[in-house]
Each structure stands twice: as structure tokens, then as C-alpha cells.
Amino acid sequence: MAILTAKKRKKLKPSQFAGPNESYPVPDKAHAANAKARAAQQVKKGALSPAIAAQIKAKANKVLKGKNNL
């Protein structure tokens, strides 16, 4: 996975985030796959609602399939 520094993260467009409040950045396929995994972990932990996790998964899937309009 490409390293996403704080400087690079600040330059991302809001559309390049899958979660609320600019959480779960998905600028590329590696980060999208990671976002899906971390969201699933947070649901199991009880720290994220299944509805928000579904939104993250949907956005990440668009990036993974190359259908993102970023």
C-alpha cells in the first residue's frame, strides 16, 4: 500500500474519503481494500454502525472496480 502522509491526506478531495468526517481515505485500490477491512473490524468491536460500514464498503467497492469519479 502506498504511504499516505499527512501532507498527501490534506490534499485529498472530500470525494476520496469513504467514511464520515473525512475518515477512511480511499485514494487508491490498496486503501479501499484496507478501508473495508477496518470498517468490518470496527463493526465487530461495536465502534461503528453497520449502516456506516455499508456506506464505506460501497464507496470502497467503487474504487476497487475502477468506477470512482474522483
Protein backbone atom coordinates (compact mmCIF):
# COMPACT_ATOMS: atom_id res chain seq x y z
CA MET A 1 0.00 0.00 0.00
CA ALA A 2 1.26 3.44 -0.86
CA ILE A 3 2.12 5.57 2.12
CA LEU A 4 -0.37 8.35 2.74
CA THR A 5 1.42 11.10 4.60
CA ALA A 6 -0.42 13.84 6.45
CA LYS A 7 0.53 16.26 3.68
CA LYS A 8 -0.89 13.99 0.97
CA ARG A 9 -4.01 13.27 3.03
CA LYS A 10 -4.74 17.00 3.38
CA LYS A 11 -4.62 17.33 -0.41
CA LEU A 12 -7.28 14.64 -0.98
CA LYS A 13 -10.69 15.73 -2.19
CA PRO A 14 -13.68 15.06 0.09
CA SER A 15 -14.88 12.56 -2.51
CA GLN A 16 -11.78 10.47 -1.82
CA PHE A 17 -12.98 9.53 1.64
CA ALA A 18 -15.45 6.74 2.34
CA GLY A 19 -16.40 7.49 5.93
CA PRO A 20 -17.90 10.41 7.80
CA ASN A 21 -15.75 13.38 8.78
CA GLU A 22 -13.11 12.52 6.18
CA SER A 23 -12.36 9.13 7.66
CA TYR A 24 -11.33 6.06 5.69
CA PRO A 25 -9.39 7.58 2.80
CA VAL A 26 -9.77 5.63 -0.46
CA PRO A 27 -7.50 7.36 -2.99
CA ASP A 28 -6.42 4.02 -4.49
CA LYS A 29 -7.29 0.32 -4.54
CA ALA A 30 -4.99 -0.60 -1.67
CA HIS A 31 -6.53 1.99 0.63
CA ALA A 32 -10.03 0.97 -0.47
CA ALA A 33 -9.41 -2.66 0.46
CA ASN A 34 -7.97 -1.53 3.78
CA ALA A 35 -10.98 0.70 4.46
CA LYS A 36 -13.33 -2.26 4.01
CA ALA A 37 -11.29 -4.38 6.40
CA ARG A 38 -11.01 -1.68 9.07
CA ALA A 39 -14.72 -0.87 8.87
CA ALA A 40 -15.57 -4.54 9.40
CA GLN A 41 -13.26 -4.61 12.42
CA GLN A 42 -14.90 -1.55 13.91
CA VAL A 43 -18.38 -3.05 13.47
CA LYS A 44 -17.30 -6.21 15.31
CA LYS A 45 -15.82 -4.03 18.05
CA GLY A 46 -19.06 -2.06 18.32
CA ALA A 47 -17.40 1.23 17.43
CA LEU A 48 -19.11 1.65 14.04
CA SER A 49 -22.69 1.09 12.97
CA PRO A 50 -23.41 -1.48 10.26
CA ALA A 51 -25.10 1.25 8.20
CA ILE A 52 -21.97 3.42 8.10
CA ALA A 53 -19.87 0.33 7.38
CA ALA A 54 -22.12 -0.44 4.41
CA GLN A 55 -21.56 3.08 3.06
CA ILE A 56 -17.80 2.67 3.44
CA LYS A 57 -17.92 -0.72 1.73
CA ALA A 58 -19.98 0.67 -1.18
CA LYS A 59 -17.58 3.57 -1.75
CA ALA A 60 -14.55 1.30 -1.45
CA ASN A 61 -16.07 -1.16 -3.93
CA LYS A 62 -16.44 1.64 -6.48
CA VAL A 63 -12.75 2.41 -6.13
CA LEU A 64 -11.81 -1.27 -6.35
CA LYS A 65 -13.86 -1.71 -9.51
CA GLY A 66 -12.41 1.46 -11.03
CA LYS A 67 -15.77 3.23 -11.06
CA ASN A 68 -14.76 6.16 -8.90
CA ASN A 69 -15.25 9.61 -10.33
CA LEU A 70 -12.58 11.30 -8.27
